[in-house]
């Protein structure tokens, strides 16, 4: 059956899974998982230990996995993070799907989690196919508005070419950029992560693999949600 949803909003079970009653266990799980990562435990095994301890569902475990990090990761990410005020005149490389989907989710009432490293992350998944939603164009426009307000320079959007409809999204973003005279370039790459980890540009992403490998980064989606979407459903898990 085709996916006919027009919003990237909350999962039907999220209200219960991430209710106030569940938060104590979820925060303890993030702390425990972060501790195990710090001690060198393998991610998969550590997540199973913690998830089983607190009897977490798969969706709750995904939230824990995306919200935790080791002490070493926390220090390293913090050291290389660029605050928005220091973006003036500087070019950035945007992890396209990562940033766009998080902003879309926040705009449509999806649950957003604040992790140990301060990043806001969602639980949305595109499963190999990007589906344009009602919030797509407003999200792109909001990203542009924020970048203009902080005076950022050129923005290079990187999209995963293996994801279906990436070409359509590239065209959509490109048309918006040309119409509004945004200094943007959009590229389709087989592996944006590899490029993001080696570029000298400031990287906009909350992907842990990218954050642990890039030279510098800005917490773009988080700053946009904090400053532009005050009604977003943000849950602090640490």
C-alpha atoms as a PDB file:
ATOM      1  CA  UNK A   1       0.000   0.000   0.000  1.00  0.00           C
ATOM      2  CA  UNK A   2       1.504   3.376  -0.986  1.00  0.00           C
ATOM      3  CA  UNK A   3       2.367   5.893   1.700  1.00  0.00           C
ATOM      4  CA  UNK A   4      -0.181   8.691   1.312  1.00  0.00           C
ATOM      5  CA  UNK A   5       0.702  10.736   4.393  1.00  0.00           C
ATOM      6  CA  UNK A   6       1.120  14.444   3.740  1.00  0.00           C
ATOM      7  CA  UNK A   7       2.938  15.336   6.971  1.00  0.00           C
ATOM      8  CA  UNK A   8       6.035  14.031   8.766  1.00  0.00           C
ATOM      9  CA  UNK A   9       4.238  14.193  12.102  1.00  0.00           C
ATOM     10  CA  UNK A  10       4.171  11.982  15.196  1.00  0.00           C
ATOM     11  CA  UNK A  11       3.794   8.225  15.179  1.00  0.00           C
ATOM     12  CA  UNK A  12       0.445   7.136  16.690  1.00  0.00           C
ATOM     13  CA  UNK A  13       2.257   5.491  19.600  1.00  0.00           C
ATOM     14  CA  UNK A  14       4.530   8.413  20.451  1.00  0.00           C
ATOM     15  CA  UNK A  15       2.194  10.064  22.922  1.00  0.00           C
ATOM     16  CA  UNK A  16       2.374   6.974  25.145  1.00  0.00           C
ATOM     17  CA  UNK A  17       5.968   5.933  24.404  1.00  0.00           C
ATOM     18  CA  UNK A  18       7.344   9.378  25.274  1.00  0.00           C
ATOM     19  CA  UNK A  19       4.842  10.485  27.888  1.00  0.00           C
ATOM     20  CA  UNK A  20       5.859  12.201  31.118  1.00  0.00           C
ATOM     21  CA  UNK A  21       5.571   8.857  32.893  1.00  0.00           C
ATOM     22  CA  UNK A  22       8.123   7.287  30.548  1.00  0.00           C
ATOM     23  CA  UNK A  23      10.725  10.062  30.718  1.00  0.00           C
ATOM     24  CA  UNK A  24      12.499   8.951  33.880  1.00  0.00           C
ATOM     25  CA  UNK A  25      13.366   5.533  32.440  1.00  0.00           C
ATOM     26  CA  UNK A  26      14.251   7.009  29.055  1.00  0.00           C
ATOM     27  CA  UNK A  27      16.668   9.520  30.570  1.00  0.00           C
ATOM     28  CA  UNK A  28      18.229   6.812  32.715  1.00  0.00           C
ATOM     29  CA  UNK A  29      18.586   4.686  29.591  1.00  0.00           C
ATOM     30  CA  UNK A  30      20.405   7.484  27.741  1.00  0.00           C
ATOM     31  CA  UNK A  31      22.759   7.953  30.695  1.00  0.00           C
ATOM     32  CA  UNK A  32      23.433   4.205  30.980  1.00  0.00           C
ATOM     33  CA  UNK A  33      23.944   3.789  27.239  1.00  0.00           C
ATOM     34  CA  UNK A  34      26.309   6.781  27.148  1.00  0.00           C
ATOM     35  CA  UNK A  35      28.279   5.274  30.033  1.00  0.00           C
ATOM     36  CA  UNK A  36      28.615   1.936  28.250  1.00  0.00           C
ATOM     37  CA  UNK A  37      29.777   3.690  25.083  1.00  0.00           C
ATOM     38  CA  UNK A  38      32.342   5.594  27.146  1.00  0.00           C
ATOM     39  CA  UNK A  39      33.612   2.286  28.543  1.00  0.00           C
ATOM     40  CA  UNK A  40      34.061   0.918  25.035  1.00  0.00           C
ATOM     41  CA  UNK A  41      31.067  -1.387  24.728  1.00  0.00           C
ATOM     42  CA  UNK A  42      29.879  -2.162  21.199  1.00  0.00           C
ATOM     43  CA  UNK A  43      26.874  -0.027  20.247  1.00  0.00           C
ATOM     44  CA  UNK A  44      24.566  -2.892  19.319  1.00  0.00           C
ATOM     45  CA  UNK A  45      25.265  -4.928  22.438  1.00  0.00           C
ATOM     46  CA  UNK A  46      25.102  -1.901  24.732  1.00  0.00           C
ATOM     47  CA  UNK A  47      21.772  -0.804  23.319  1.00  0.00           C
ATOM     48  CA  UNK A  48      20.326  -4.282  23.839  1.00  0.00           C
ATOM     49  CA  UNK A  49      21.524  -4.336  27.443  1.00  0.00           C
ATOM     50  CA  UNK A  50      19.974  -0.969  28.193  1.00  0.00           C
ATOM     51  CA  UNK A  51      16.826  -1.568  26.192  1.00  0.00           C
ATOM     52  CA  UNK A  52      16.187  -4.895  27.888  1.00  0.00           C
ATOM     53  CA  UNK A  53      16.885  -3.419  31.329  1.00  0.00           C
ATOM     54  CA  UNK A  54      14.160  -0.804  30.878  1.00  0.00           C
ATOM     55  CA  UNK A  55      11.880  -2.975  28.673  1.00  0.00           C
ATOM     56  CA  UNK A  56      11.980  -0.415  25.876  1.00  0.00           C
ATOM     57  CA  UNK A  57      10.213  -0.745  22.538  1.00  0.00           C
ATOM     58  CA  UNK A  58      12.142  -0.542  19.261  1.00  0.00           C
ATOM     59  CA  UNK A  59      11.037   3.058  18.776  1.00  0.00           C
ATOM     60  CA  UNK A  60      12.177   4.012  22.273  1.00  0.00           C
ATOM     61  CA  UNK A  61      15.510   2.276  21.655  1.00  0.00           C
ATOM     62  CA  UNK A  62      15.932   4.291  18.470  1.00  0.00           C
ATOM     63  CA  UNK A  63      15.404   7.490  20.457  1.00  0.00           C
ATOM     64  CA  UNK A  64      17.980   6.345  23.021  1.00  0.00           C
ATOM     65  CA  UNK A  65      20.493   5.427  20.336  1.00  0.00           C
ATOM     66  CA  UNK A  66      20.156   8.806  18.626  1.00  0.00           C
ATOM     67  CA  UNK A  67      20.331  10.780  21.879  1.00  0.00           C
ATOM     68  CA  UNK A  68      23.365   9.209  23.564  1.00  0.00           C
ATOM     69  CA  UNK A  69      27.090   9.556  22.998  1.00  0.00           C
ATOM     70  CA  UNK A  70      30.305   8.728  24.816  1.00  0.00           C
ATOM     71  CA  UNK A  71      32.293  11.230  26.884  1.00  0.00           C
ATOM     72  CA  UNK A  72      34.947  11.330  24.170  1.00  0.00           C
ATOM     73  CA  UNK A  73      32.372  12.044  21.462  1.00  0.00           C
ATOM     74  CA  UNK A  74      30.800  14.768  23.587  1.00  0.00           C
ATOM     75  CA  UNK A  75      34.100  16.581  24.149  1.00  0.00           C
ATOM     76  CA  UNK A  76      35.186  16.263  20.524  1.00  0.00           C
ATOM     77  CA  UNK A  77      31.865  17.422  19.087  1.00  0.00           C
ATOM     78  CA  UNK A  78      31.706  20.378  21.485  1.00  0.00           C
ATOM     79  CA  UNK A  79      35.238  21.445  20.575  1.00  0.00           C
ATOM     80  CA  UNK A  80      34.491  21.543  16.830  1.00  0.00           C
ATOM     81  CA  UNK A  81      31.017  23.110  17.011  1.00  0.00           C
ATOM     82  CA  UNK A  82      30.615  26.567  15.455  1.00  0.00           C
ATOM     83  CA  UNK A  83      27.972  28.846  16.964  1.00  0.00           C
ATOM     84  CA  UNK A  84      25.577  30.531  14.485  1.00  0.00           C
ATOM     85  CA  UNK A  85      26.975  33.975  15.292  1.00  0.00           C
ATOM     86  CA  UNK A  86      30.267  32.853  13.754  1.00  0.00           C
ATOM     87  CA  UNK A  87      28.714  31.815  10.429  1.00  0.00           C
ATOM     88  CA  UNK A  88      28.759  35.352   9.003  1.00  0.00           C
ATOM     89  CA  UNK A  89      30.231  35.267   5.518  1.00  0.00           C
ATOM     90  CA  UNK A  90      31.250  31.611   5.821  1.00  0.00           C
ATOM     91  CA  UNK A  91      30.188  28.822   3.482  1.00  0.00           C
ATOM     92  CA  UNK A  92      28.455  25.737   4.839  1.00  0.00           C
ATOM     93  CA  UNK A  93      27.793  22.207   3.577  1.00  0.00           C
ATOM     94  CA  UNK A  94      24.304  21.010   4.484  1.00  0.00           C
ATOM     95  CA  UNK A  95      23.559  17.339   5.119  1.00  0.00           C
ATOM     96  CA  UNK A  96      20.381  17.770   3.099  1.00  0.00           C
ATOM     97  CA  UNK A  97      18.066  15.016   4.223  1.00  0.00           C
ATOM     98  CA  UNK A  98      19.305  15.156   7.811  1.00  0.00           C
ATOM     99  CA  UNK A  99      18.569  18.852   8.286  1.00  0.00           C
ATOM    100  CA  UNK A 100      15.466  19.091   6.119  1.00  0.00           C
ATOM    101  CA  UNK A 101      13.623  16.123   7.621  1.00  0.00           C
ATOM    102  CA  UNK A 102      14.304  17.253  11.191  1.00  0.00           C
ATOM    103  CA  UNK A 103      12.860  20.694  10.449  1.00  0.00           C
ATOM    104  CA  UNK A 104       9.907  19.140   8.603  1.00  0.00           C
ATOM    105  CA  UNK A 105       9.202  16.851  11.556  1.00  0.00           C
ATOM    106  CA  UNK A 106       9.335  19.736  14.015  1.00  0.00           C
ATOM    107  CA  UNK A 107       6.999  21.828  11.875  1.00  0.00           C
ATOM    108  CA  UNK A 108       4.453  19.009  11.604  1.00  0.00           C
ATOM    109  CA  UNK A 109       4.301  18.137  15.313  1.00  0.00           C
ATOM    110  CA  UNK A 110       6.645  15.189  15.255  1.00  0.00           C
ATOM    111  CA  UNK A 111       8.535  14.335  18.429  1.00  0.00           C
ATOM    112  CA  UNK A 112      12.009  15.899  18.564  1.00  0.00           C
ATOM    113  CA  UNK A 113      14.635  14.721  21.038  1.00  0.00           C
ATOM    114  CA  UNK A 114      17.404  16.793  22.573  1.00  0.00           C
ATOM    115  CA  UNK A 115      20.384  14.505  23.001  1.00  0.00           C
ATOM    116  CA  UNK A 116      23.411  14.558  25.227  1.00  0.00           C
ATOM    117  CA  UNK A 117      25.420  16.552  22.677  1.00  0.00           C
ATOM    118  CA  UNK A 118      22.729  19.223  22.419  1.00  0.00           C
ATOM    119  CA  UNK A 119      21.513  18.145  18.979  1.00  0.00           C
ATOM    120  CA  UNK A 120      17.819  17.913  18.217  1.00  0.00           C
ATOM    121  CA  UNK A 121      16.957  14.700  16.376  1.00  0.00           C
ATOM    122  CA  UNK A 122      13.763  13.149  15.050  1.00  0.00           C
ATOM    123  CA  UNK A 123      12.637   9.558  14.531  1.00  0.00           C
ATOM    124  CA  UNK A 124      11.514   9.993  10.937  1.00  0.00           C
ATOM    125  CA  UNK A 125      12.843   7.536   8.380  1.00  0.00           C
ATOM    126  CA  UNK A 126      12.641   7.767   4.610  1.00  0.00           C
ATOM    127  CA  UNK A 127      13.309   4.049   3.949  1.00  0.00           C
ATOM    128  CA  UNK A 128      15.164   4.718   0.722  1.00  0.00           C
ATOM    129  CA  UNK A 129      12.496   7.020  -0.710  1.00  0.00           C
ATOM    130  CA  UNK A 130      12.015  10.701   0.043  1.00  0.00           C
ATOM    131  CA  UNK A 131       8.379  11.769   0.163  1.00  0.00           C
ATOM    132  CA  UNK A 132       7.639  15.470  -0.231  1.00  0.00           C
ATOM    133  CA  UNK A 133       5.224  16.629   2.480  1.00  0.00           C
ATOM    134  CA  UNK A 134       3.201  19.765   3.179  1.00  0.00           C
ATOM    135  CA  UNK A 135       6.065  21.173   5.264  1.00  0.00           C
ATOM    136  CA  UNK A 136       8.832  20.617   2.698  1.00  0.00           C
ATOM    137  CA  UNK A 137       8.786  24.026   1.006  1.00  0.00           C
ATOM    138  CA  UNK A 138       8.102  25.958   4.254  1.00  0.00           C
ATOM    139  CA  UNK A 139      11.000  24.068   5.874  1.00  0.00           C
ATOM    140  CA  UNK A 140      13.396  24.970   3.049  1.00  0.00           C
ATOM    141  CA  UNK A 141      12.258  28.597   3.282  1.00  0.00           C
ATOM    142  CA  UNK A 142      12.751  28.595   7.055  1.00  0.00           C
ATOM    143  CA  UNK A 143      16.270  27.212   6.673  1.00  0.00           C
ATOM    144  CA  UNK A 144      17.039  29.975   4.171  1.00  0.00           C
ATOM    145  CA  UNK A 145      15.573  32.642   6.452  1.00  0.00           C
ATOM    146  CA  UNK A 146      17.745  31.547   9.362  1.00  0.00           C
ATOM    147  CA  UNK A 147      20.904  31.413   7.234  1.00  0.00           C
ATOM    148  CA  UNK A 148      20.232  34.905   5.915  1.00  0.00           C
ATOM    149  CA  UNK A 149      19.638  36.242   9.415  1.00  0.00           C
ATOM    150  CA  UNK A 150      22.999  34.954  10.665  1.00  0.00           C
ATOM    151  CA  UNK A 151      24.713  36.186   7.500  1.00  0.00           C
ATOM    152  CA  UNK A 152      25.989  32.813   6.328  1.00  0.00           C
ATOM    153  CA  UNK A 153      27.738  32.641   2.991  1.00  0.00           C
ATOM    154  CA  UNK A 154      27.170  30.107   0.221  1.00  0.00           C
ATOM    155  CA  UNK A 155      25.283  26.924   1.127  1.00  0.00           C
ATOM    156  CA  UNK A 156      26.118  23.625  -0.539  1.00  0.00           C
ATOM    157  CA  UNK A 157      23.296  21.102  -0.175  1.00  0.00           C
ATOM    158  CA  UNK A 158      24.321  17.461  -0.431  1.00  0.00           C
ATOM    159  CA  UNK A 159      21.634  14.861  -1.140  1.00  0.00           C
ATOM    160  CA  UNK A 160      21.935  11.070  -1.306  1.00  0.00           C
ATOM    161  CA  UNK A 161      21.548  10.023  -4.936  1.00  0.00           C
ATOM    162  CA  UNK A 162      20.531   6.414  -4.043  1.00  0.00           C
ATOM    163  CA  UNK A 163      17.416   7.774  -2.274  1.00  0.00           C
ATOM    164  CA  UNK A 164      14.442   7.771  -4.619  1.00  0.00           C
ATOM    165  CA  UNK A 165      13.117  11.224  -5.557  1.00  0.00           C
ATOM    166  CA  UNK A 166      16.436  12.903  -4.727  1.00  0.00           C
ATOM    167  CA  UNK A 167      16.454  14.340  -8.236  1.00  0.00           C
ATOM    168  CA  UNK A 168      13.026  15.859  -7.696  1.00  0.00           C
ATOM    169  CA  UNK A 169      14.083  17.356  -4.369  1.00  0.00           C
ATOM    170  CA  UNK A 170      17.223  18.788  -5.960  1.00  0.00           C
ATOM    171  CA  UNK A 171      15.057  20.434  -8.624  1.00  0.00           C
ATOM    172  CA  UNK A 172      12.630  21.788  -6.030  1.00  0.00           C
ATOM    173  CA  UNK A 173      15.344  23.305  -3.841  1.00  0.00           C
ATOM    174  CA  UNK A 174      17.166  24.628  -6.902  1.00  0.00           C
ATOM    175  CA  UNK A 175      14.043  26.338  -8.222  1.00  0.00           C
ATOM    176  CA  UNK A 176      13.393  27.971  -4.842  1.00  0.00           C
ATOM    177  CA  UNK A 177      17.000  29.138  -4.681  1.00  0.00           C
ATOM    178  CA  UNK A 178      16.927  30.653  -8.155  1.00  0.00           C
ATOM    179  CA  UNK A 179      13.548  32.308  -7.577  1.00  0.00           C
ATOM    180  CA  UNK A 180      14.750  33.924  -4.353  1.00  0.00           C
ATOM    181  CA  UNK A 181      18.384  34.579  -5.344  1.00  0.00           C
ATOM    182  CA  UNK A 182      19.759  32.347  -2.593  1.00  0.00           C
ATOM    183  CA  UNK A 183      23.448  31.579  -2.943  1.00  0.00           C
ATOM    184  CA  UNK A 184      22.910  27.836  -2.914  1.00  0.00           C
ATOM    185  CA  UNK A 185      24.257  24.872  -4.823  1.00  0.00           C
ATOM    186  CA  UNK A 186      22.633  21.431  -4.691  1.00  0.00           C
ATOM    187  CA  UNK A 187      24.514  18.227  -5.467  1.00  0.00           C
ATOM    188  CA  UNK A 188      23.530  14.573  -5.632  1.00  0.00           C
ATOM    189  CA  UNK A 189      26.217  12.269  -4.257  1.00  0.00           C
ATOM    190  CA  UNK A 190      26.445   8.534  -3.786  1.00  0.00           C
ATOM    191  CA  UNK A 191      27.759   9.118  -0.247  1.00  0.00           C
ATOM    192  CA  UNK A 192      27.275  12.634   1.154  1.00  0.00           C
ATOM    193  CA  UNK A 193      28.667  11.441   4.506  1.00  0.00           C
ATOM    194  CA  UNK A 194      32.079  10.821   2.958  1.00  0.00           C
ATOM    195  CA  UNK A 195      32.174  14.320   1.475  1.00  0.00           C
ATOM    196  CA  UNK A 196      30.903  15.937   4.674  1.00  0.00           C
ATOM    197  CA  UNK A 197      33.657  14.282   6.694  1.00  0.00           C
ATOM    198  CA  UNK A 198      36.445  15.594   4.470  1.00  0.00           C
ATOM    199  CA  UNK A 199      35.184  19.044   3.437  1.00  0.00           C
ATOM    200  CA  UNK A 200      36.755  22.230   4.769  1.00  0.00           C
ATOM    201  CA  UNK A 201      33.327  23.864   4.833  1.00  0.00           C
ATOM    202  CA  UNK A 202      31.346  24.106   8.060  1.00  0.00           C
ATOM    203  CA  UNK A 203      29.028  21.106   8.105  1.00  0.00           C
ATOM    204  CA  UNK A 204      25.355  21.348   9.070  1.00  0.00           C
ATOM    205  CA  UNK A 205      24.253  17.957  10.388  1.00  0.00           C
ATOM    206  CA  UNK A 206      23.235  16.008  13.482  1.00  0.00           C
ATOM    207  CA  UNK A 207      24.290  12.635  12.086  1.00  0.00           C
ATOM    208  CA  UNK A 208      26.655  11.089  14.643  1.00  0.00           C
ATOM    209  CA  UNK A 209      28.881   9.529  11.983  1.00  0.00           C
ATOM    210  CA  UNK A 210      29.276  12.890  10.270  1.00  0.00           C
ATOM    211  CA  UNK A 211      29.790  14.822  13.520  1.00  0.00           C
ATOM    212  CA  UNK A 212      32.539  12.479  14.648  1.00  0.00           C
ATOM    213  CA  UNK A 213      34.403  12.789  11.355  1.00  0.00           C
ATOM    214  CA  UNK A 214      33.970  16.352  10.111  1.00  0.00           C
ATOM    215  CA  UNK A 215      36.398  19.220  10.721  1.00  0.00           C
ATOM    216  CA  UNK A 216      33.791  21.664  12.033  1.00  0.00           C
ATOM    217  CA  UNK A 217      30.025  21.751  12.258  1.00  0.00           C
ATOM    218  CA  UNK A 218      27.035  23.905  13.143  1.00  0.00           C
ATOM    219  CA  UNK A 219      23.974  22.657  14.999  1.00  0.00           C
ATOM    220  CA  UNK A 220      21.707  24.110  12.315  1.00  0.00           C
ATOM    221  CA  UNK A 221      18.435  22.205  12.722  1.00  0.00           C
ATOM    222  CA  UNK A 222      18.578  22.666  16.493  1.00  0.00           C
ATOM    223  CA  UNK A 223      19.119  26.415  16.234  1.00  0.00           C
ATOM    224  CA  UNK A 224      16.288  26.769  13.721  1.00  0.00           C
ATOM    225  CA  UNK A 225      13.860  24.837  15.909  1.00  0.00           C
ATOM    226  CA  UNK A 226      14.877  26.723  19.064  1.00  0.00           C
ATOM    227  CA  UNK A 227      14.624  30.140  17.447  1.00  0.00           C
ATOM    228  CA  UNK A 228      11.870  29.714  14.848  1.00  0.00           C
ATOM    229  CA  UNK A 229       9.608  26.901  16.052  1.00  0.00           C
ATOM    230  CA  UNK A 230       8.854  27.543  19.730  1.00  0.00           C
ATOM    231  CA  UNK A 231       5.812  25.266  19.691  1.00  0.00           C
ATOM    232  CA  UNK A 232       7.793  22.223  18.486  1.00  0.00           C
ATOM    233  CA  UNK A 233       7.482  19.145  20.687  1.00  0.00           C
ATOM    234  CA  UNK A 234      11.031  18.846  22.048  1.00  0.00           C
ATOM    235  CA  UNK A 235      11.826  16.229  24.674  1.00  0.00           C
ATOM    236  CA  UNK A 236      15.098  16.545  26.586  1.00  0.00           C
ATOM    237  CA  UNK A 237      16.448  13.022  27.102  1.00  0.00           C
ATOM    238  CA  UNK A 238      19.556  13.932  29.060  1.00  0.00           C
END
